[in-house]
mmCIF file of all heavy atoms, coordinates in Angstrom:
data_MODEL
# 
_entry.id   MODEL 
# 
loop_
_atom_site.group_PDB 
_atom_site.id 
_atom_site.type_symbol 
_atom_site.label_atom_id 
_atom_site.label_alt_id 
_atom_site.label_comp_id 
_atom_site.label_asym_id 
_atom_site.label_entity_id 
_atom_site.label_seq_id 
_atom_site.pdbx_PDB_ins_code 
_atom_site.Cartn_x 
_atom_site.Cartn_y 
_atom_site.Cartn_z 
_atom_site.occupancy 
_atom_site.B_iso_or_equiv 
_atom_site.pdbx_formal_charge 
_atom_site.auth_seq_id 
_atom_site.auth_comp_id 
_atom_site.auth_asym_id 
_atom_site.auth_atom_id 
_atom_site.pdbx_PDB_model_num 
ATOM 1   N N   . ASP A 1 1  ? -6.609 0.134   -3.269  1.00 0.00 ? 1  ASP A N   1 
ATOM 2   C CA  . ASP A 1 1  ? -5.751 -0.181  -4.414  1.00 0.00 ? 1  ASP A CA  1 
ATOM 3   C C   . ASP A 1 1  ? -4.656 0.874   -4.488  1.00 0.00 ? 1  ASP A C   1 
ATOM 4   O O   . ASP A 1 1  ? -4.881 2.008   -4.787  1.00 0.00 ? 1  ASP A O   1 
ATOM 5   C CB  . ASP A 1 1  ? -6.531 -0.162  -5.683  1.00 0.00 ? 1  ASP A CB  1 
ATOM 6   C CG  . ASP A 1 1  ? -5.711 -0.570  -6.908  1.00 0.00 ? 1  ASP A CG  1 
ATOM 7   O OD1 . ASP A 1 1  ? -4.845 -1.459  -6.749  1.00 0.00 ? 1  ASP A OD1 1 
ATOM 8   O OD2 . ASP A 1 1  ? -5.849 0.044   -7.936  1.00 0.00 ? 1  ASP A OD2 1 
ATOM 9   N N   . CYS A 1 2  ? -3.386 0.487   -4.106  1.00 0.00 ? 2  CYS A N   1 
ATOM 10  C CA  . CYS A 1 2  ? -2.292 1.404   -4.031  1.00 0.00 ? 2  CYS A CA  1 
ATOM 11  C C   . CYS A 1 2  ? -1.605 1.536   -5.404  1.00 0.00 ? 2  CYS A C   1 
ATOM 12  O O   . CYS A 1 2  ? -1.657 0.663   -6.247  1.00 0.00 ? 2  CYS A O   1 
ATOM 13  C CB  . CYS A 1 2  ? -1.259 0.876   -3.027  1.00 0.00 ? 2  CYS A CB  1 
ATOM 14  S SG  . CYS A 1 2  ? -1.898 0.784   -1.339  1.00 0.00 ? 2  CYS A SG  1 
ATOM 15  N N   . PRO A 1 3  ? -0.887 2.651   -5.606  1.00 0.00 ? 3  PRO A N   1 
ATOM 16  C CA  . PRO A 1 3  ? -0.045 2.788   -6.810  1.00 0.00 ? 3  PRO A CA  1 
ATOM 17  C C   . PRO A 1 3  ? 1.169  1.865   -6.800  1.00 0.00 ? 3  PRO A C   1 
ATOM 18  O O   . PRO A 1 3  ? 1.544  1.396   -5.668  1.00 0.00 ? 3  PRO A O   1 
ATOM 19  C CB  . PRO A 1 3  ? 0.392  4.281   -6.811  1.00 0.00 ? 3  PRO A CB  1 
ATOM 20  C CG  . PRO A 1 3  ? 0.313  4.667   -5.364  1.00 0.00 ? 3  PRO A CG  1 
ATOM 21  C CD  . PRO A 1 3  ? -0.788 3.836   -4.720  1.00 0.00 ? 3  PRO A CD  1 
ATOM 22  N N   . PRO A 1 4  ? 1.804  1.609   -7.890  1.00 0.00 ? 4  PRO A N   1 
ATOM 23  C CA  . PRO A 1 4  ? 2.963  0.717   -7.942  1.00 0.00 ? 4  PRO A CA  1 
ATOM 24  C C   . PRO A 1 4  ? 4.238  1.470   -7.530  1.00 0.00 ? 4  PRO A C   1 
ATOM 25  O O   . PRO A 1 4  ? 5.165  1.559   -8.270  1.00 0.00 ? 4  PRO A O   1 
ATOM 26  C CB  . PRO A 1 4  ? 3.005  0.236   -9.358  1.00 0.00 ? 4  PRO A CB  1 
ATOM 27  C CG  . PRO A 1 4  ? 2.405  1.322   -10.134 1.00 0.00 ? 4  PRO A CG  1 
ATOM 28  C CD  . PRO A 1 4  ? 1.295  1.955   -9.305  1.00 0.00 ? 4  PRO A CD  1 
ATOM 29  N N   . SER A 1 5  ? 4.244  1.933   -6.301  1.00 0.00 ? 5  SER A N   1 
ATOM 30  C CA  . SER A 1 5  ? 5.421  2.625   -5.776  1.00 0.00 ? 5  SER A CA  1 
ATOM 31  C C   . SER A 1 5  ? 5.331  2.617   -4.230  1.00 0.00 ? 5  SER A C   1 
ATOM 32  O O   . SER A 1 5  ? 4.220  2.269   -3.690  1.00 0.00 ? 5  SER A O   1 
ATOM 33  C CB  . SER A 1 5  ? 5.509  4.058   -6.277  1.00 0.00 ? 5  SER A CB  1 
ATOM 34  O OG  . SER A 1 5  ? 4.424  4.805   -5.732  1.00 0.00 ? 5  SER A OG  1 
ATOM 35  N N   . LEU A 1 6  ? 6.386  3.066   -3.607  1.00 0.00 ? 6  LEU A N   1 
ATOM 36  C CA  . LEU A 1 6  ? 6.339  3.141   -2.125  1.00 0.00 ? 6  LEU A CA  1 
ATOM 37  C C   . LEU A 1 6  ? 6.442  4.637   -1.679  1.00 0.00 ? 6  LEU A C   1 
ATOM 38  O O   . LEU A 1 6  ? 7.114  4.961   -0.741  1.00 0.00 ? 6  LEU A O   1 
ATOM 39  C CB  . LEU A 1 6  ? 7.495  2.354   -1.538  1.00 0.00 ? 6  LEU A CB  1 
ATOM 40  C CG  . LEU A 1 6  ? 7.404  0.841   -1.718  1.00 0.00 ? 6  LEU A CG  1 
ATOM 41  C CD1 . LEU A 1 6  ? 8.631  0.148   -1.090  1.00 0.00 ? 6  LEU A CD1 1 
ATOM 42  C CD2 . LEU A 1 6  ? 6.145  0.280   -1.098  1.00 0.00 ? 6  LEU A CD2 1 
ATOM 43  N N   . GLY A 1 7  ? 5.716  5.508   -2.475  1.00 0.00 ? 7  GLY A N   1 
ATOM 44  C CA  . GLY A 1 7  ? 5.705  6.919   -2.155  1.00 0.00 ? 7  GLY A CA  1 
ATOM 45  C C   . GLY A 1 7  ? 4.679  7.361   -1.094  1.00 0.00 ? 7  GLY A C   1 
ATOM 46  O O   . GLY A 1 7  ? 4.139  6.479   -0.320  1.00 0.00 ? 7  GLY A O   1 
ATOM 47  N N   . LEU A 1 8  ? 4.329  8.595   -0.985  1.00 0.00 ? 8  LEU A N   1 
ATOM 48  C CA  . LEU A 1 8  ? 3.502  9.112   0.025   1.00 0.00 ? 8  LEU A CA  1 
ATOM 49  C C   . LEU A 1 8  ? 2.051  8.629   -0.120  1.00 0.00 ? 8  LEU A C   1 
ATOM 50  O O   . LEU A 1 8  ? 1.369  8.505   0.939   1.00 0.00 ? 8  LEU A O   1 
ATOM 51  C CB  . LEU A 1 8  ? 3.511  10.666  -0.032  1.00 0.00 ? 8  LEU A CB  1 
ATOM 52  C CG  . LEU A 1 8  ? 2.765  11.420  1.069   1.00 0.00 ? 8  LEU A CG  1 
ATOM 53  C CD1 . LEU A 1 8  ? 3.245  10.997  2.501   1.00 0.00 ? 8  LEU A CD1 1 
ATOM 54  C CD2 . LEU A 1 8  ? 2.979  12.980  0.936   1.00 0.00 ? 8  LEU A CD2 1 
ATOM 55  N N   . LEU A 1 9  ? 1.586  8.363   -1.311  1.00 0.00 ? 9  LEU A N   1 
ATOM 56  C CA  . LEU A 1 9  ? 0.259  7.781   -1.450  1.00 0.00 ? 9  LEU A CA  1 
ATOM 57  C C   . LEU A 1 9  ? 0.218  6.369   -0.822  1.00 0.00 ? 9  LEU A C   1 
ATOM 58  O O   . LEU A 1 9  ? -0.730 6.093   -0.068  1.00 0.00 ? 9  LEU A O   1 
ATOM 59  C CB  . LEU A 1 9  ? -0.167 7.692   -2.951  1.00 0.00 ? 9  LEU A CB  1 
ATOM 60  C CG  . LEU A 1 9  ? -0.370 9.016   -3.630  1.00 0.00 ? 9  LEU A CG  1 
ATOM 61  C CD1 . LEU A 1 9  ? -0.732 8.742   -5.109  1.00 0.00 ? 9  LEU A CD1 1 
ATOM 62  C CD2 . LEU A 1 9  ? -1.499 9.861   -3.033  1.00 0.00 ? 9  LEU A CD2 1 
ATOM 63  N N   . THR A 1 10 ? 1.140  5.563   -1.100  1.00 0.00 ? 10 THR A N   1 
ATOM 64  C CA  . THR A 1 10 ? 1.194  4.212   -0.469  1.00 0.00 ? 10 THR A CA  1 
ATOM 65  C C   . THR A 1 10 ? 1.385  4.293   0.977   1.00 0.00 ? 10 THR A C   1 
ATOM 66  O O   . THR A 1 10 ? 0.773  3.525   1.742   1.00 0.00 ? 10 THR A O   1 
ATOM 67  C CB  . THR A 1 10 ? 2.252  3.346   -1.178  1.00 0.00 ? 10 THR A CB  1 
ATOM 68  O OG1 . THR A 1 10 ? 1.977  3.177   -2.553  1.00 0.00 ? 10 THR A OG1 1 
ATOM 69  C CG2 . THR A 1 10 ? 2.378  2.028   -0.499  1.00 0.00 ? 10 THR A CG2 1 
ATOM 70  N N   . LEU A 1 11 ? 2.214  5.235   1.437   1.00 0.00 ? 11 LEU A N   1 
ATOM 71  C CA  . LEU A 1 11 ? 2.425  5.410   2.854   1.00 0.00 ? 11 LEU A CA  1 
ATOM 72  C C   . LEU A 1 11 ? 1.059  5.812   3.568   1.00 0.00 ? 11 LEU A C   1 
ATOM 73  O O   . LEU A 1 11 ? 0.774  5.278   4.629   1.00 0.00 ? 11 LEU A O   1 
ATOM 74  C CB  . LEU A 1 11 ? 3.448  6.524   3.108   1.00 0.00 ? 11 LEU A CB  1 
ATOM 75  C CG  . LEU A 1 11 ? 3.706  6.909   4.599   1.00 0.00 ? 11 LEU A CG  1 
ATOM 76  C CD1 . LEU A 1 11 ? 4.154  5.621   5.425   1.00 0.00 ? 11 LEU A CD1 1 
ATOM 77  C CD2 . LEU A 1 11 ? 4.798  7.978   4.686   1.00 0.00 ? 11 LEU A CD2 1 
ATOM 78  N N   . ASN A 1 12 ? 0.276  6.651   2.952   1.00 0.00 ? 12 ASN A N   1 
ATOM 79  C CA  . ASN A 1 12 ? -1.032 6.994   3.468   1.00 0.00 ? 12 ASN A CA  1 
ATOM 80  C C   . ASN A 1 12 ? -1.925 5.717   3.592   1.00 0.00 ? 12 ASN A C   1 
ATOM 81  O O   . ASN A 1 12 ? -2.622 5.559   4.558   1.00 0.00 ? 12 ASN A O   1 
ATOM 82  C CB  . ASN A 1 12 ? -1.727 8.000   2.605   1.00 0.00 ? 12 ASN A CB  1 
ATOM 83  C CG  . ASN A 1 12 ? -1.616 9.401   3.128   1.00 0.00 ? 12 ASN A CG  1 
ATOM 84  O OD1 . ASN A 1 12 ? -2.556 9.934   3.815   1.00 0.00 ? 12 ASN A OD1 1 
ATOM 85  N ND2 . ASN A 1 12 ? -0.566 10.053  2.817   1.00 0.00 ? 12 ASN A ND2 1 
ATOM 86  N N   . ALA A 1 13 ? -1.864 4.870   2.581   1.00 0.00 ? 13 ALA A N   1 
ATOM 87  C CA  . ALA A 1 13 ? -2.658 3.616   2.664   1.00 0.00 ? 13 ALA A CA  1 
ATOM 88  C C   . ALA A 1 13 ? -2.185 2.696   3.808   1.00 0.00 ? 13 ALA A C   1 
ATOM 89  O O   . ALA A 1 13 ? -2.983 2.187   4.488   1.00 0.00 ? 13 ALA A O   1 
ATOM 90  C CB  . ALA A 1 13 ? -2.465 2.886   1.309   1.00 0.00 ? 13 ALA A CB  1 
ATOM 91  N N   . LEU A 1 14 ? -0.849 2.583   3.930   1.00 0.00 ? 14 LEU A N   1 
ATOM 92  C CA  . LEU A 1 14 ? -0.343 1.748   5.002   1.00 0.00 ? 14 LEU A CA  1 
ATOM 93  C C   . LEU A 1 14 ? -0.624 2.278   6.376   1.00 0.00 ? 14 LEU A C   1 
ATOM 94  O O   . LEU A 1 14 ? -0.964 1.473   7.325   1.00 0.00 ? 14 LEU A O   1 
ATOM 95  C CB  . LEU A 1 14 ? 1.131  1.524   4.869   1.00 0.00 ? 14 LEU A CB  1 
ATOM 96  C CG  . LEU A 1 14 ? 1.588  0.831   3.580   1.00 0.00 ? 14 LEU A CG  1 
ATOM 97  C CD1 . LEU A 1 14 ? 3.166  0.767   3.470   1.00 0.00 ? 14 LEU A CD1 1 
ATOM 98  C CD2 . LEU A 1 14 ? 0.972  -0.574  3.480   1.00 0.00 ? 14 LEU A CD2 1 
ATOM 99  N N   . VAL A 1 15 ? -0.598 3.574   6.564   1.00 0.00 ? 15 VAL A N   1 
ATOM 100 C CA  . VAL A 1 15 ? -0.991 4.162   7.882   1.00 0.00 ? 15 VAL A CA  1 
ATOM 101 C C   . VAL A 1 15 ? -2.414 4.000   8.163   1.00 0.00 ? 15 VAL A C   1 
ATOM 102 O O   . VAL A 1 15 ? -2.878 3.830   9.353   1.00 0.00 ? 15 VAL A O   1 
ATOM 103 C CB  . VAL A 1 15 ? -0.562 5.674   7.846   1.00 0.00 ? 15 VAL A CB  1 
ATOM 104 C CG1 . VAL A 1 15 ? -1.055 6.343   9.117   1.00 0.00 ? 15 VAL A CG1 1 
ATOM 105 C CG2 . VAL A 1 15 ? 1.025  5.847   7.767   1.00 0.00 ? 15 VAL A CG2 1 
ATOM 106 N N   . ALA A 1 16 ? -3.252 3.959   7.128   1.00 0.00 ? 16 ALA A N   1 
ATOM 107 C CA  . ALA A 1 16 ? -4.711 3.849   7.360   1.00 0.00 ? 16 ALA A CA  1 
ATOM 108 C C   . ALA A 1 16 ? -5.179 2.473   7.542   1.00 0.00 ? 16 ALA A C   1 
ATOM 109 O O   . ALA A 1 16 ? -6.279 2.252   8.087   1.00 0.00 ? 16 ALA A O   1 
ATOM 110 C CB  . ALA A 1 16 ? -5.429 4.462   6.098   1.00 0.00 ? 16 ALA A CB  1 
ATOM 111 N N   . SER A 1 17 ? -4.360 1.447   7.237   1.00 0.00 ? 17 SER A N   1 
ATOM 112 C CA  . SER A 1 17 ? -4.805 0.018   7.135   1.00 0.00 ? 17 SER A CA  1 
ATOM 113 C C   . SER A 1 17 ? -4.503 -0.764  8.334   1.00 0.00 ? 17 SER A C   1 
ATOM 114 O O   . SER A 1 17 ? -3.664 -0.404  9.183   1.00 0.00 ? 17 SER A O   1 
ATOM 115 C CB  . SER A 1 17 ? -4.164 -0.619  5.901   1.00 0.00 ? 17 SER A CB  1 
ATOM 116 O OG  . SER A 1 17 ? -4.566 0.019   4.714   1.00 0.00 ? 17 SER A OG  1 
ATOM 117 N N   . ASP A 1 18 ? -5.315 -1.765  8.517   1.00 0.00 ? 18 ASP A N   1 
ATOM 118 C CA  . ASP A 1 18 ? -5.052 -2.827  9.541   1.00 0.00 ? 18 ASP A CA  1 
ATOM 119 C C   . ASP A 1 18 ? -4.000 -3.822  9.016   1.00 0.00 ? 18 ASP A C   1 
ATOM 120 O O   . ASP A 1 18 ? -3.234 -4.369  9.868   1.00 0.00 ? 18 ASP A O   1 
ATOM 121 C CB  . ASP A 1 18 ? -6.324 -3.567  9.859   1.00 0.00 ? 18 ASP A CB  1 
ATOM 122 C CG  . ASP A 1 18 ? -7.405 -2.641  10.433  1.00 0.00 ? 18 ASP A CG  1 
ATOM 123 O OD1 . ASP A 1 18 ? -7.164 -1.935  11.453  1.00 0.00 ? 18 ASP A OD1 1 
ATOM 124 O OD2 . ASP A 1 18 ? -8.486 -2.538  9.834   1.00 0.00 ? 18 ASP A OD2 1 
ATOM 125 N N   . SER A 1 19 ? -4.043 -4.074  7.711   1.00 0.00 ? 19 SER A N   1 
ATOM 126 C CA  . SER A 1 19 ? -3.133 -5.155  7.175   1.00 0.00 ? 19 SER A CA  1 
ATOM 127 C C   . SER A 1 19 ? -2.881 -4.810  5.759   1.00 0.00 ? 19 SER A C   1 
ATOM 128 O O   . SER A 1 19 ? -3.441 -3.943  5.080   1.00 0.00 ? 19 SER A O   1 
ATOM 129 C CB  . SER A 1 19 ? -3.779 -6.515  7.383   1.00 0.00 ? 19 SER A CB  1 
ATOM 130 O OG  . SER A 1 19 ? -5.014 -6.659  6.694   1.00 0.00 ? 19 SER A OG  1 
ATOM 131 N N   . VAL A 1 20 ? -1.963 -5.677  5.223   1.00 0.00 ? 20 VAL A N   1 
ATOM 132 C CA  . VAL A 1 20 ? -1.489 -5.536  3.812   1.00 0.00 ? 20 VAL A CA  1 
ATOM 133 C C   . VAL A 1 20 ? -1.594 -6.873  3.067   1.00 0.00 ? 20 VAL A C   1 
ATOM 134 O O   . VAL A 1 20 ? -1.227 -7.912  3.599   1.00 0.00 ? 20 VAL A O   1 
ATOM 135 C CB  . VAL A 1 20 ? -0.032 -5.032  3.784   1.00 0.00 ? 20 VAL A CB  1 
ATOM 136 C CG1 . VAL A 1 20 ? 0.351  -4.862  2.317   1.00 0.00 ? 20 VAL A CG1 1 
ATOM 137 C CG2 . VAL A 1 20 ? 0.172  -3.793  4.552   1.00 0.00 ? 20 VAL A CG2 1 
ATOM 138 N N   . ILE A 1 21 ? -2.212 -6.808  1.848   1.00 0.00 ? 21 ILE A N   1 
ATOM 139 C CA  . ILE A 1 21 ? -2.141 -7.977  0.950   1.00 0.00 ? 21 ILE A CA  1 
ATOM 140 C C   . ILE A 1 21 ? -1.188 -7.664  -0.176  1.00 0.00 ? 21 ILE A C   1 
ATOM 141 O O   . ILE A 1 21 ? -1.280 -6.548  -0.772  1.00 0.00 ? 21 ILE A O   1 
ATOM 142 C CB  . ILE A 1 21 ? -3.545 -8.303  0.478   1.00 0.00 ? 21 ILE A CB  1 
ATOM 143 C CG1 . ILE A 1 21 ? -4.417 -8.938  1.483   1.00 0.00 ? 21 ILE A CG1 1 
ATOM 144 C CG2 . ILE A 1 21 ? -3.516 -9.173  -0.813  1.00 0.00 ? 21 ILE A CG2 1 
ATOM 145 C CD1 . ILE A 1 21 ? -5.879 -9.250  1.092   1.00 0.00 ? 21 ILE A CD1 1 
ATOM 146 N N   . VAL A 1 22 ? -0.356 -8.638  -0.524  1.00 0.00 ? 22 VAL A N   1 
ATOM 147 C CA  . VAL A 1 22 ? 0.657  -8.453  -1.563  1.00 0.00 ? 22 VAL A CA  1 
ATOM 148 C C   . VAL A 1 22 ? 0.376  -9.390  -2.724  1.00 0.00 ? 22 VAL A C   1 
ATOM 149 O O   . VAL A 1 22 ? 0.591  -10.624 -2.531  1.00 0.00 ? 22 VAL A O   1 
ATOM 150 C CB  . VAL A 1 22 ? 2.088  -8.607  -1.036  1.00 0.00 ? 22 VAL A CB  1 
ATOM 151 C CG1 . VAL A 1 22 ? 3.105  -8.305  -2.164  1.00 0.00 ? 22 VAL A CG1 1 
ATOM 152 C CG2 . VAL A 1 22 ? 2.342  -7.675  0.173   1.00 0.00 ? 22 VAL A CG2 1 
ATOM 153 N N   . PRO A 1 23 ? -0.041 -8.978  -3.816  1.00 0.00 ? 23 PRO A N   1 
ATOM 154 C CA  . PRO A 1 23 ? -0.098 -9.907  -5.012  1.00 0.00 ? 23 PRO A CA  1 
ATOM 155 C C   . PRO A 1 23 ? 1.301  -10.177 -5.544  1.00 0.00 ? 23 PRO A C   1 
ATOM 156 O O   . PRO A 1 23 ? 2.154  -9.232  -5.670  1.00 0.00 ? 23 PRO A O   1 
ATOM 157 C CB  . PRO A 1 23 ? -0.896 -9.080  -6.004  1.00 0.00 ? 23 PRO A CB  1 
ATOM 158 C CG  . PRO A 1 23 ? -1.554 -7.988  -5.299  1.00 0.00 ? 23 PRO A CG  1 
ATOM 159 C CD  . PRO A 1 23 ? -0.593 -7.637  -4.214  1.00 0.00 ? 23 PRO A CD  1 
ATOM 160 N N   . LEU A 1 24 ? 1.604  -11.414 -5.818  1.00 0.00 ? 24 LEU A N   1 
ATOM 161 C CA  . LEU A 1 24 ? 2.890  -11.844 -6.220  1.00 0.00 ? 24 LEU A CA  1 
ATOM 162 C C   . LEU A 1 24 ? 2.782  -12.598 -7.484  1.00 0.00 ? 24 LEU A C   1 
ATOM 163 O O   . LEU A 1 24 ? 2.241  -13.728 -7.584  1.00 0.00 ? 24 LEU A O   1 
ATOM 164 C CB  . LEU A 1 24 ? 3.623  -12.750 -5.181  1.00 0.00 ? 24 LEU A CB  1 
ATOM 165 C CG  . LEU A 1 24 ? 4.993  -13.227 -5.476  1.00 0.00 ? 24 LEU A CG  1 
ATOM 166 C CD1 . LEU A 1 24 ? 6.012  -12.048 -5.569  1.00 0.00 ? 24 LEU A CD1 1 
ATOM 167 C CD2 . LEU A 1 24 ? 5.404  -14.325 -4.428  1.00 0.00 ? 24 LEU A CD2 1 
ATOM 168 N N   . GLN A 1 25 ? 3.284  -12.028 -8.598  1.00 0.00 ? 25 GLN A N   1 
ATOM 169 C CA  . GLN A 1 25 ? 3.185  -12.616 -9.900  1.00 0.00 ? 25 GLN A CA  1 
ATOM 170 C C   . GLN A 1 25 ? 4.073  -13.867 -9.995  1.00 0.00 ? 25 GLN A C   1 
ATOM 171 O O   . GLN A 1 25 ? 5.266  -13.805 -9.543  1.00 0.00 ? 25 GLN A O   1 
ATOM 172 C CB  . GLN A 1 25 ? 3.637  -11.672 -10.990 1.00 0.00 ? 25 GLN A CB  1 
ATOM 173 C CG  . GLN A 1 25 ? 3.507  -12.125 -12.375 1.00 0.00 ? 25 GLN A CG  1 
ATOM 174 C CD  . GLN A 1 25 ? 3.941  -11.048 -13.377 1.00 0.00 ? 25 GLN A CD  1 
ATOM 175 O OE1 . GLN A 1 25 ? 4.542  -10.084 -13.016 1.00 0.00 ? 25 GLN A OE1 1 
ATOM 176 N NE2 . GLN A 1 25 ? 3.683  -11.290 -14.660 1.00 0.00 ? 25 GLN A NE2 1 
# 
């Protein structure tokens, strides 16, 4: 569960992951 930003925390998640799911309201 990523924070609502594209900062270093989210970058860590993307580097660690195989794929990305995007919830779209």
